[in-house]
Amino acid sequence: MAEPDPLLERFKRLAGTLDPDDVPELDDKLATARSYLAPYVKGYEVPQPILDDCVLNVALDLWQSKDARNGIVAVTETGVEPFRISSDPLRSAWPKLRAAGIPAGMGIA
């Protein structure tokens, strides 16, 4: 059996779920987030706290998008409020990666 992702407990709190049934999906979202980020951080020295922050933010966007039909959803105490989840899975990571000195997400082909 594979070791759980070291960010899993933090991610569970951020995602707002402590349901054990969600753990495989949460773990999958963390692995997917790391896969999305890998090509952009390869060859760069990214401090672990920054990389962890990027992984958690991307994974959280992926987790929230599972309930967002057409990218829109927000459930509050008073009902449903719209907000858009970007189709770019790295939208929350681009500014953080650039702040760490990685020229990522700048639209350069």
Protein backbone atom coordinates (compact mmCIF):
# COMPACT_ATOMS: atom_id res chain seq x y z
CA MET A 1 0.00 0.00 0.00
CA ALA A 2 1.31 3.44 -0.92
CA GLU A 3 2.12 5.97 1.76
CA PRO A 4 -0.47 8.76 2.08
CA ASP A 5 0.47 12.10 0.61
CA PRO A 6 2.18 14.26 3.27
CA LEU A 7 -0.25 17.10 2.47
CA LEU A 8 -3.38 14.95 2.85
CA GLU A 9 -4.34 16.08 6.36
CA ARG A 10 -3.97 19.77 5.50
CA PHE A 11 -5.88 19.22 2.28
CA LYS A 12 -8.75 17.49 4.11
CA ARG A 13 -9.15 20.53 6.37
CA LEU A 14 -8.99 22.97 3.45
CA ALA A 15 -11.49 20.91 1.45
CA GLY A 16 -13.84 20.86 4.44
CA THR A 17 -14.21 17.10 4.59
CA LEU A 18 -13.19 14.59 7.17
CA ASP A 19 -15.22 11.82 5.54
CA PRO A 20 -12.97 8.74 5.19
CA ASP A 21 -14.77 7.88 1.94
CA ASP A 22 -13.33 11.06 0.38
CA VAL A 23 -9.70 10.17 1.12
CA PRO A 24 -9.00 8.24 -2.13
CA GLU A 25 -10.38 11.12 -4.22
CA LEU A 26 -8.51 13.73 -2.18
CA ASP A 27 -5.29 11.75 -2.54
CA ASP A 28 -5.92 11.52 -6.28
CA LYS A 29 -6.41 15.30 -6.53
CA LEU A 30 -3.08 15.88 -4.76
CA ALA A 31 -1.32 13.50 -7.17
CA THR A 32 -2.97 15.21 -10.14
CA ALA A 33 -1.95 18.65 -8.85
CA ARG A 34 1.66 17.48 -8.50
CA SER A 35 1.54 16.12 -12.06
CA TYR A 36 0.21 19.41 -13.42
CA LEU A 37 2.95 21.36 -11.63
CA ALA A 38 5.86 19.01 -12.38
CA PRO A 39 6.83 20.33 -15.84
CA TYR A 40 6.85 23.93 -14.61
CA VAL A 41 9.02 23.38 -11.54
CA LYS A 42 11.42 20.89 -13.12
CA GLY A 43 14.94 22.31 -13.01
CA TYR A 44 14.03 25.06 -10.53
CA GLU A 45 14.72 25.19 -6.82
CA VAL A 46 11.31 25.88 -5.34
CA PRO A 47 11.19 26.18 -1.55
CA GLN A 48 9.04 23.40 -0.13
CA PRO A 49 6.49 25.71 1.55
CA ILE A 50 5.83 27.44 -1.80
CA LEU A 51 5.55 24.15 -3.67
CA ASP A 52 3.22 22.78 -0.99
CA ASP A 53 1.07 25.91 -1.21
CA CYS A 54 0.83 25.56 -5.00
CA VAL A 55 -0.03 21.85 -4.77
CA LEU A 56 -2.73 22.51 -2.18
CA ASN A 57 -4.27 25.36 -4.17
CA VAL A 58 -4.35 23.42 -7.43
CA ALA A 59 -5.72 20.32 -5.67
CA LEU A 60 -8.39 22.41 -3.96
CA ASP A 61 -9.49 23.89 -7.30
CA LEU A 62 -9.66 20.36 -8.73
CA TRP A 63 -11.67 19.16 -5.71
CA GLN A 64 -14.13 22.05 -5.92
CA SER A 65 -14.59 21.65 -9.66
CA LYS A 66 -16.13 18.20 -9.14
CA ASP A 67 -19.33 19.88 -7.91
CA ALA A 68 -19.28 22.85 -10.26
CA ARG A 69 -21.56 22.38 -13.22
CA ASN A 70 -20.24 24.53 -16.04
CA GLY A 71 -17.66 25.80 -13.56
CA ILE A 72 -20.18 27.57 -11.31
CA VAL A 73 -21.24 26.76 -7.73
CA ALA A 74 -21.12 28.04 -4.19
CA VAL A 75 -23.20 26.69 -1.35
CA THR A 76 -23.63 28.96 1.64
CA GLU A 77 -25.86 29.02 4.71
CA THR A 78 -28.42 31.08 2.80
CA GLY A 79 -28.43 29.08 -0.43
CA VAL A 80 -26.48 28.74 -3.62
CA GLU A 81 -24.31 31.60 -4.85
CA PRO A 82 -22.51 31.49 -8.18
CA PHE A 83 -18.76 31.68 -8.53
CA ARG A 84 -16.66 30.49 -11.40
CA ILE A 85 -14.05 27.77 -11.22
CA SER A 86 -11.50 28.35 -13.93
CA SER A 87 -10.94 25.74 -16.60
CA ASP A 88 -7.20 26.37 -16.10
CA PRO A 89 -6.18 23.93 -13.36
CA LEU A 90 -3.08 25.99 -12.58
CA ARG A 91 -4.72 29.42 -12.36
CA SER A 92 -4.04 29.66 -8.63
CA ALA A 93 -0.42 28.52 -9.06
CA TRP A 94 0.74 30.87 -11.84
CA PRO A 95 1.23 34.01 -9.71
CA LYS A 96 2.87 32.01 -6.91
CA LEU A 97 5.28 30.31 -9.29
CA ARG A 98 6.16 33.66 -10.88
CA ALA A 99 6.72 35.16 -7.42
CA ALA A 100 9.15 32.28 -6.78
CA GLY A 101 11.06 33.25 -9.95
CA ILE A 102 9.65 30.65 -12.33
CA PRO A 103 8.47 32.08 -15.67
CA ALA A 104 5.25 30.06 -15.74
CA GLY A 105 1.78 30.84 -17.06
CA MET A 106 2.86 33.83 -19.06
CA GLY A 107 1.27 32.70 -22.33
CA ILE A 108 4.64 32.20 -23.99
CA ALA A 109 4.67 29.33 -26.45
